[in-house]
Amino acid sequence: MRTDSTVLERLAEYMMDNSGNLNSPNNIANVLDANRVPTNHVTVGRYISYLRDAFAFYEAKRYDIKGKKYITNRRGLLTEFP
């Protein structure tokens, strides 16, 4: 059985490996489950919030270059490096 710290570690690793890509808690939970880290989208969403609050990751709004406006319906999470 995996501990919550293992889920958090694997989540952070996944997010760093996929920085710049659009991710959702549901998709990430499916990937973690497939890699034998049992979790669910609620836990993943909560841990993503914790990582954002700790300034390890930040939410980036998508920008439409041609329309010169932010796309409001989809967001991605990006890693913040010092």
PDB file of N, CA and C in Angstrom:
ATOM      1  N   MET A   1       0.834  -1.181   0.000  1.00  0.00           N
ATOM      2  CA  MET A   1       0.000   0.000   0.000  1.00  0.00           C
ATOM      3  C   MET A   1       0.883   1.252   0.000  1.00  0.00           C
ATOM      4  N   ARG A   2       0.523   2.222  -0.789  1.00  0.00           N
ATOM      5  CA  ARG A   2       1.283   3.461  -0.907  1.00  0.00           C
ATOM      6  C   ARG A   2       0.856   4.451   0.165  1.00  0.00           C
ATOM      7  N   THR A   3       1.800   5.196   0.650  1.00  0.00           N
ATOM      8  CA  THR A   3       1.477   6.248   1.598  1.00  0.00           C
ATOM      9  C   THR A   3       1.172   7.528   0.842  1.00  0.00           C
ATOM     10  N   ASP A   4       0.571   8.486   1.545  1.00  0.00           N
ATOM     11  CA  ASP A   4       0.257   9.760   0.909  1.00  0.00           C
ATOM     12  C   ASP A   4       1.507  10.490   0.465  1.00  0.00           C
ATOM     13  N   SER A   5       2.619  10.324   1.216  1.00  0.00           N
ATOM     14  CA  SER A   5       3.857  10.999   0.806  1.00  0.00           C
ATOM     15  C   SER A   5       4.361  10.448  -0.513  1.00  0.00           C
ATOM     16  N   THR A   6       4.152   9.146  -0.762  1.00  0.00           N
ATOM     17  CA  THR A   6       4.555   8.565  -2.046  1.00  0.00           C
ATOM     18  C   THR A   6       3.720   9.154  -3.171  1.00  0.00           C
ATOM     19  N   VAL A   7       2.423   9.310  -2.937  1.00  0.00           N
ATOM     20  CA  VAL A   7       1.544   9.899  -3.958  1.00  0.00           C
ATOM     21  C   VAL A   7       1.995  11.327  -4.247  1.00  0.00           C
ATOM     22  N   LEU A   8       2.290  12.092  -3.208  1.00  0.00           N
ATOM     23  CA  LEU A   8       2.735  13.468  -3.386  1.00  0.00           C
ATOM     24  C   LEU A   8       4.062  13.524  -4.144  1.00  0.00           C
ATOM     25  N   GLU A   9       4.997  12.648  -3.810  1.00  0.00           N
ATOM     26  CA  GLU A   9       6.283  12.621  -4.508  1.00  0.00           C
ATOM     27  C   GLU A   9       6.104  12.281  -5.980  1.00  0.00           C
ATOM     28  N   ARG A  10       5.319  11.259  -6.257  1.00  0.00           N
ATOM     29  CA  ARG A  10       5.092  10.850  -7.660  1.00  0.00           C
ATOM     30  C   ARG A  10       4.347  11.933  -8.436  1.00  0.00           C
ATOM     31  N   LEU A  11       3.410  12.591  -7.773  1.00  0.00           N
ATOM     32  CA  LEU A  11       2.681  13.685  -8.411  1.00  0.00           C
ATOM     33  C   LEU A  11       3.636  14.810  -8.782  1.00  0.00           C
ATOM     34  N   ALA A  12       4.490  15.208  -7.853  1.00  0.00           N
ATOM     35  CA  ALA A  12       5.448  16.284  -8.126  1.00  0.00           C
ATOM     36  C   ALA A  12       6.392  15.886  -9.248  1.00  0.00           C
ATOM     37  N   GLU A  13       6.869  14.638  -9.243  1.00  0.00           N
ATOM     38  CA  GLU A  13       7.738  14.162 -10.325  1.00  0.00           C
ATOM     39  C   GLU A  13       7.023  14.219 -11.668  1.00  0.00           C
ATOM     40  N   TYR A  14       5.774  13.756 -11.695  1.00  0.00           N
ATOM     41  CA  TYR A  14       5.002  13.772 -12.937  1.00  0.00           C
ATOM     42  C   TYR A  14       4.825  15.200 -13.444  1.00  0.00           C
ATOM     43  N   MET A  15       4.496  16.106 -12.543  1.00  0.00           N
ATOM     44  CA  MET A  15       4.259  17.488 -12.952  1.00  0.00           C
ATOM     45  C   MET A  15       5.543  18.148 -13.461  1.00  0.00           C
ATOM     46  N   MET A  16       6.685  17.823 -12.845  1.00  0.00           N
ATOM     47  CA  MET A  16       7.950  18.378 -13.341  1.00  0.00           C
ATOM     48  C   MET A  16       8.301  17.804 -14.706  1.00  0.00           C
ATOM     49  N   ASP A  17       8.038  16.512 -14.891  1.00  0.00           N
ATOM     50  CA  ASP A  17       8.316  15.883 -16.183  1.00  0.00           C
ATOM     51  C   ASP A  17       7.396  16.389 -17.283  1.00  0.00           C
ATOM     52  N   ASN A  18       6.221  16.864 -16.908  1.00  0.00           N
ATOM     53  CA  ASN A  18       5.233  17.310 -17.891  1.00  0.00           C
ATOM     54  C   ASN A  18       4.935  18.796 -17.772  1.00  0.00           C
ATOM     55  N   SER A  19       5.899  19.564 -17.288  1.00  0.00           N
ATOM     56  CA  SER A  19       5.666  21.005 -17.154  1.00  0.00           C
ATOM     57  C   SER A  19       5.468  21.610 -18.534  1.00  0.00           C
ATOM     58  N   GLY A  20       4.569  22.522 -18.607  1.00  0.00           N
ATOM     59  CA  GLY A  20       4.251  23.161 -19.874  1.00  0.00           C
ATOM     60  C   GLY A  20       3.127  22.473 -20.625  1.00  0.00           C
ATOM     61  N   ASN A  21       2.744  21.272 -20.186  1.00  0.00           N
ATOM     62  CA  ASN A  21       1.632  20.559 -20.805  1.00  0.00           C
ATOM     63  C   ASN A  21       0.358  20.812 -20.002  1.00  0.00           C
ATOM     64  N   LEU A  22      -0.769  20.740 -20.680  1.00  0.00           N
ATOM     65  CA  LEU A  22      -2.045  20.832 -19.976  1.00  0.00           C
ATOM     66  C   LEU A  22      -2.268  19.540 -19.207  1.00  0.00           C
ATOM     67  N   ASN A  23      -2.630  19.669 -17.956  1.00  0.00           N
ATOM     68  CA  ASN A  23      -2.889  18.511 -17.111  1.00  0.00           C
ATOM     69  C   ASN A  23      -4.163  18.744 -16.330  1.00  0.00           C
ATOM     70  N   SER A  24      -4.845  17.655 -16.021  1.00  0.00           N
ATOM     71  CA  SER A  24      -6.017  17.733 -15.157  1.00  0.00           C
ATOM     72  C   SER A  24      -5.827  16.715 -14.040  1.00  0.00           C
ATOM     73  N   PRO A  25      -6.421  16.955 -12.891  1.00  0.00           N
ATOM     74  CA  PRO A  25      -6.314  15.977 -11.805  1.00  0.00           C
ATOM     75  C   PRO A  25      -6.783  14.582 -12.216  1.00  0.00           C
ATOM     76  N   ASN A  26      -7.814  14.508 -13.036  1.00  0.00           N
ATOM     77  CA  ASN A  26      -8.320  13.213 -13.481  1.00  0.00           C
ATOM     78  C   ASN A  26      -7.295  12.484 -14.341  1.00  0.00           C
ATOM     79  N   ASN A  27      -6.691  13.184 -15.298  1.00  0.00           N
ATOM     80  CA  ASN A  27      -5.692  12.555 -16.159  1.00  0.00           C
ATOM     81  C   ASN A  27      -4.461  12.130 -15.370  1.00  0.00           C
ATOM     82  N   ILE A  28      -4.029  12.969 -14.443  1.00  0.00           N
ATOM     83  CA  ILE A  28      -2.854  12.639 -13.636  1.00  0.00           C
ATOM     84  C   ILE A  28      -3.151  11.438 -12.752  1.00  0.00           C
ATOM     85  N   ALA A  29      -4.336  11.379 -12.147  1.00  0.00           N
ATOM     86  CA  ALA A  29      -4.712  10.235 -11.315  1.00  0.00           C
ATOM     87  C   ALA A  29      -4.707   8.951 -12.127  1.00  0.00           C
ATOM     88  N   ASN A  30      -5.175   9.013 -13.367  1.00  0.00           N
ATOM     89  CA  ASN A  30      -5.165   7.832 -14.236  1.00  0.00           C
ATOM     90  C   ASN A  30      -3.744   7.375 -14.531  1.00  0.00           C
ATOM     91  N   VAL A  31      -2.842   8.313 -14.787  1.00  0.00           N
ATOM     92  CA  VAL A  31      -1.447   7.970 -15.054  1.00  0.00           C
ATOM     93  C   VAL A  31      -0.807   7.352 -13.813  1.00  0.00           C
ATOM     94  N   LEU A  32      -1.045   7.947 -12.654  1.00  0.00           N
ATOM     95  CA  LEU A  32      -0.479   7.404 -11.421  1.00  0.00           C
ATOM     96  C   LEU A  32      -1.029   6.010 -11.135  1.00  0.00           C
ATOM     97  N   ASP A  33      -2.326   5.806 -11.332  1.00  0.00           N
ATOM     98  CA  ASP A  33      -2.917   4.473 -11.149  1.00  0.00           C
ATOM     99  C   ASP A  33      -2.274   3.453 -12.077  1.00  0.00           C
ATOM    100  N   ALA A  34      -2.046   3.852 -13.326  1.00  0.00           N
ATOM    101  CA  ALA A  34      -1.424   2.950 -14.295  1.00  0.00           C
ATOM    102  C   ALA A  34       0.012   2.603 -13.893  1.00  0.00           C
ATOM    103  N   ASN A  35       0.648   3.482 -13.125  1.00  0.00           N
ATOM    104  CA  ASN A  35       2.015   3.246 -12.662  1.00  0.00           C
ATOM    105  C   ASN A  35       2.041   2.715 -11.230  1.00  0.00           C
ATOM    106  N   ARG A  36       0.969   2.070 -10.835  1.00  0.00           N
ATOM    107  CA  ARG A  36       0.853   1.404  -9.535  1.00  0.00           C
ATOM    108  C   ARG A  36       0.992   2.341  -8.341  1.00  0.00           C
ATOM    109  N   VAL A  37       0.463   3.549  -8.494  1.00  0.00           N
ATOM    110  CA  VAL A  37       0.359   4.492  -7.383  1.00  0.00           C
ATOM    111  C   VAL A  37      -1.126   4.796  -7.247  1.00  0.00           C
ATOM    112  N   PRO A  38      -1.849   3.992  -6.455  1.00  0.00           N
ATOM    113  CA  PRO A  38      -3.299   4.174  -6.375  1.00  0.00           C
ATOM    114  C   PRO A  38      -3.673   5.504  -5.726  1.00  0.00           C
ATOM    115  N   THR A  39      -4.508   6.238  -6.419  1.00  0.00           N
ATOM    116  CA  THR A  39      -5.007   7.524  -5.931  1.00  0.00           C
ATOM    117  C   THR A  39      -6.276   7.860  -6.684  1.00  0.00           C
ATOM    118  N   ASN A  40      -6.819   9.028  -6.454  1.00  0.00           N
ATOM    119  CA  ASN A  40      -8.014   9.471  -7.183  1.00  0.00           C
ATOM    120  C   ASN A  40      -7.871  10.953  -7.505  1.00  0.00           C
ATOM    121  N   HIS A  41      -8.775  11.449  -8.337  1.00  0.00           N
ATOM    122  CA  HIS A  41      -8.677  12.831  -8.806  1.00  0.00           C
ATOM    123  C   HIS A  41      -8.872  13.848  -7.688  1.00  0.00           C
ATOM    124  N   VAL A  42      -9.622  13.496  -6.657  1.00  0.00           N
ATOM    125  CA  VAL A  42      -9.839  14.424  -5.545  1.00  0.00           C
ATOM    126  C   VAL A  42      -8.520  14.640  -4.786  1.00  0.00           C
ATOM    127  N   THR A  43      -7.829  13.556  -4.491  1.00  0.00           N
ATOM    128  CA  THR A  43      -6.543  13.645  -3.793  1.00  0.00           C
ATOM    129  C   THR A  43      -5.528  14.398  -4.637  1.00  0.00           C
ATOM    130  N   VAL A  44      -5.461  14.081  -5.918  1.00  0.00           N
ATOM    131  CA  VAL A  44      -4.519  14.757  -6.817  1.00  0.00           C
ATOM    132  C   VAL A  44      -4.821  16.250  -6.863  1.00  0.00           C
ATOM    133  N   GLY A  45      -6.073  16.613  -6.986  1.00  0.00           N
ATOM    134  CA  GLY A  45      -6.452  18.027  -7.011  1.00  0.00           C
ATOM    135  C   GLY A  45      -6.064  18.749  -5.731  1.00  0.00           C
ATOM    136  N   ARG A  46      -6.260  18.075  -4.604  1.00  0.00           N
ATOM    137  CA  ARG A  46      -5.898  18.663  -3.313  1.00  0.00           C
ATOM    138  C   ARG A  46      -4.381  18.859  -3.217  1.00  0.00           C
ATOM    139  N   TYR A  47      -3.615  17.855  -3.650  1.00  0.00           N
ATOM    140  CA  TYR A  47      -2.152  17.961  -3.598  1.00  0.00           C
ATOM    141  C   TYR A  47      -1.630  19.024  -4.564  1.00  0.00           C
ATOM    142  N   ILE A  48      -2.256  19.172  -5.710  1.00  0.00           N
ATOM    143  CA  ILE A  48      -1.857  20.234  -6.634  1.00  0.00           C
ATOM    144  C   ILE A  48      -2.063  21.592  -5.976  1.00  0.00           C
ATOM    145  N   SER A  49      -3.181  21.752  -5.261  1.00  0.00           N
ATOM    146  CA  SER A  49      -3.419  23.009  -4.536  1.00  0.00           C
ATOM    147  C   SER A  49      -2.338  23.258  -3.497  1.00  0.00           C
ATOM    148  N   TYR A  50      -1.934  22.205  -2.781  1.00  0.00           N
ATOM    149  CA  TYR A  50      -0.877  22.350  -1.783  1.00  0.00           C
ATOM    150  C   TYR A  50       0.435  22.773  -2.440  1.00  0.00           C
ATOM    151  N   LEU A  51       0.762  22.170  -3.574  1.00  0.00           N
ATOM    152  CA  LEU A  51       2.003  22.508  -4.277  1.00  0.00           C
ATOM    153  C   LEU A  51       1.963  23.947  -4.796  1.00  0.00           C
ATOM    154  N   ARG A  52       0.797  24.391  -5.267  1.00  0.00           N
ATOM    155  CA  ARG A  52       0.651  25.784  -5.697  1.00  0.00           C
ATOM    156  C   ARG A  52       0.798  26.732  -4.513  1.00  0.00           C
ATOM    157  N   ASP A  53       0.171  26.396  -3.397  1.00  0.00           N
ATOM    158  CA  ASP A  53       0.251  27.243  -2.204  1.00  0.00           C
ATOM    159  C   ASP A  53       1.677  27.346  -1.672  1.00  0.00           C
ATOM    160  N   ALA A  54       2.470  26.295  -1.891  1.00  0.00           N
ATOM    161  CA  ALA A  54       3.867  26.286  -1.456  1.00  0.00           C
ATOM    162  C   ALA A  54       4.785  26.939  -2.497  1.00  0.00           C
ATOM    163  N   PHE A  55       4.203  27.455  -3.570  1.00  0.00           N
ATOM    164  CA  PHE A  55       4.935  28.110  -4.662  1.00  0.00           C
ATOM    165  C   PHE A  55       5.914  27.176  -5.365  1.00  0.00           C
ATOM    166  N   ALA A  56       5.638  25.868  -5.338  1.00  0.00           N
ATOM    167  CA  ALA A  56       6.453  24.914  -6.080  1.00  0.00           C
ATOM    168  C   ALA A  56       6.010  24.897  -7.549  1.00  0.00           C
ATOM    169  N   PHE A  57       4.720  25.121  -7.766  1.00  0.00           N
ATOM    170  CA  PHE A  57       4.142  25.198  -9.105  1.00  0.00           C
ATOM    171  C   PHE A  57       3.214  26.396  -9.134  1.00  0.00           C
ATOM    172  N   TYR A  58       2.970  26.894 -10.325  1.00  0.00           N
ATOM    173  CA  TYR A  58       1.981  27.952 -10.453  1.00  0.00           C
ATOM    174  C   TYR A  58       1.101  27.668 -11.647  1.00  0.00           C
ATOM    175  N   GLU A  59      -0.089  28.215 -11.588  1.00  0.00           N
ATOM    176  CA  GLU A  59      -1.067  28.008 -12.643  1.00  0.00           C
ATOM    177  C   GLU A  59      -0.825  29.040 -13.735  1.00  0.00           C
ATOM    178  N   ALA A  60      -0.739  28.577 -14.945  1.00  0.00           N
ATOM    179  CA  ALA A  60      -0.497  29.474 -16.070  1.00  0.00           C
ATOM    180  C   ALA A  60      -1.738  29.516 -16.954  1.00  0.00           C
ATOM    181  N   LYS A  61      -2.172  30.714 -17.271  1.00  0.00           N
ATOM    182  CA  LYS A  61      -3.304  30.858 -18.178  1.00  0.00           C
ATOM    183  C   LYS A  61      -2.803  30.689 -19.611  1.00  0.00           C
ATOM    184  N   ARG A  62      -3.615  30.052 -20.433  1.00  0.00           N
ATOM    185  CA  ARG A  62      -3.265  29.902 -21.845  1.00  0.00           C
ATOM    186  C   ARG A  62      -3.580  31.205 -22.566  1.00  0.00           C
ATOM    187  N   TYR A  63      -2.757  31.534 -23.555  1.00  0.00           N
ATOM    188  CA  TYR A  63      -2.902  32.782 -24.295  1.00  0.00           C
ATOM    189  C   TYR A  63      -3.025  32.480 -25.775  1.00  0.00           C
ATOM    190  N   ASP A  64      -4.034  33.034 -26.404  1.00  0.00           N
ATOM    191  CA  ASP A  64      -4.244  32.881 -27.841  1.00  0.00           C
ATOM    192  C   ASP A  64      -3.473  33.995 -28.536  1.00  0.00           C
ATOM    193  N   ILE A  65      -2.393  33.632 -29.198  1.00  0.00           N
ATOM    194  CA  ILE A  65      -1.530  34.630 -29.836  1.00  0.00           C
ATOM    195  C   ILE A  65      -2.267  35.341 -30.970  1.00  0.00           C
ATOM    196  N   LYS A  66      -3.000  34.602 -31.788  1.00  0.00           N
ATOM    197  CA  LYS A  66      -3.704  35.214 -32.914  1.00  0.00           C
ATOM    198  C   LYS A  66      -4.827  36.133 -32.441  1.00  0.00           C
ATOM    199  N   GLY A  67      -5.602  35.684 -31.453  1.00  0.00           N
ATOM    200  CA  GLY A  67      -6.718  36.492 -30.969  1.00  0.00           C
ATOM    201  C   GLY A  67      -6.305  37.507 -29.925  1.00  0.00           C
ATOM    202  N   LYS A  68      -5.053  37.418 -29.470  1.00  0.00           N
ATOM    203  CA  LYS A  68      -4.491  38.328 -28.472  1.00  0.00           C
ATOM    204  C   LYS A  68      -5.368  38.441 -27.232  1.00  0.00           C
ATOM    205  N   LYS A  69      -5.729  37.261 -26.686  1.00  0.00           N
ATOM    206  CA  LYS A  69      -6.500  37.243 -25.449  1.00  0.00           C
ATOM    207  C   LYS A  69      -6.220  35.937 -24.722  1.00  0.00           C
ATOM    208  N   TYR A  70      -6.530  35.919 -23.432  1.00  0.00           N
ATOM    209  CA  TYR A  70      -6.356  34.711 -22.646  1.00  0.00           C
ATOM    210  C   TYR A  70      -7.503  33.757 -22.930  1.00  0.00           C
ATOM    211  N   ILE A  71      -7.189  32.479 -22.990  1.00  0.00           N
ATOM    212  CA  ILE A  71      -8.200  31.439 -23.149  1.00  0.00           C
ATOM    213  C   ILE A  71      -8.648  31.069 -21.742  1.00  0.00           C
ATOM    214  N   THR A  72      -9.927  31.242 -21.462  1.00  0.00           N
ATOM    215  CA  THR A  72     -10.397  31.113 -20.081  1.00  0.00           C
ATOM    216  C   THR A  72     -10.864  29.718 -19.712  1.00  0.00           C
ATOM    217  N   ASN A  73     -11.106  28.831 -20.668  1.00  0.00           N
ATOM    218  CA  ASN A  73     -11.687  27.548 -20.319  1.00  0.00           C
ATOM    219  C   ASN A  73     -10.665  26.453 -20.025  1.00  0.00           C
ATOM    220  N   ARG A  74      -9.383  26.640 -20.332  1.00  0.00           N
ATOM    221  CA  ARG A  74      -8.379  25.610 -20.082  1.00  0.00           C
ATOM    222  C   ARG A  74      -7.173  26.240 -19.428  1.00  0.00           C
ATOM    223  N   ARG A  75      -6.636  25.559 -18.449  1.00  0.00           N
ATOM    224  CA  ARG A  75      -5.457  26.060 -17.750  1.00  0.00           C
ATOM    225  C   ARG A  75      -4.424  24.960 -17.669  1.00  0.00           C
ATOM    226  N   GLY A  76      -3.181  25.341 -17.496  1.00  0.00           N
ATOM    227  CA  GLY A  76      -2.108  24.389 -17.303  1.00  0.00           C
ATOM    228  C   GLY A  76      -1.331  24.750 -16.064  1.00  0.00           C
ATOM    229  N   LEU A  77      -0.557  23.840 -15.588  1.00  0.00           N
ATOM    230  CA  LEU A  77       0.289  24.079 -14.429  1.00  0.00           C
ATOM    231  C   LEU A  77       1.737  24.023 -14.880  1.00  0.00           C
ATOM    232  N   LEU A  78       2.508  25.000 -14.500  1.00  0.00           N
ATOM    233  CA  LEU A  78       3.906  25.057 -14.875  1.00  0.00           C
ATOM    234  C   LEU A  78       4.774  25.043 -13.635  1.00  0.00           C
ATOM    235  N   THR A  79       5.950  24.472 -13.785  1.00  0.00           N
ATOM    236  CA  THR A  79       6.900  24.456 -12.679  1.00  0.00           C
ATOM    237  C   THR A  79       7.594  25.779 -12.592  1.00  0.00           C
ATOM    238  N   GLU A  80       7.800  26.254 -11.392  1.00  0.00           N
ATOM    239  CA  GLU A  80       8.535  27.488 -11.175  1.00  0.00           C
ATOM    240  C   GLU A  80       9.923  27.139 -10.677  1.00  0.00           C
ATOM    241  N   PHE A  81      10.938  27.474 -11.447  1.00  0.00           N
ATOM    242  CA  PHE A  81      12.312  27.203 -11.058  1.00  0.00           C
ATOM    243  C   PHE A  81      12.958  28.469 -10.548  1.00  0.00           C
ATOM    244  N   PRO A  82      13.741  28.364  -9.478  1.00  0.00           N
ATOM    245  CA  PRO A  82      14.400  29.569  -8.939  1.00  0.00           C
ATOM    246  C   PRO A  82      15.459  30.106  -9.872  1.00  0.00           C
TER     247      PRO A  82
END
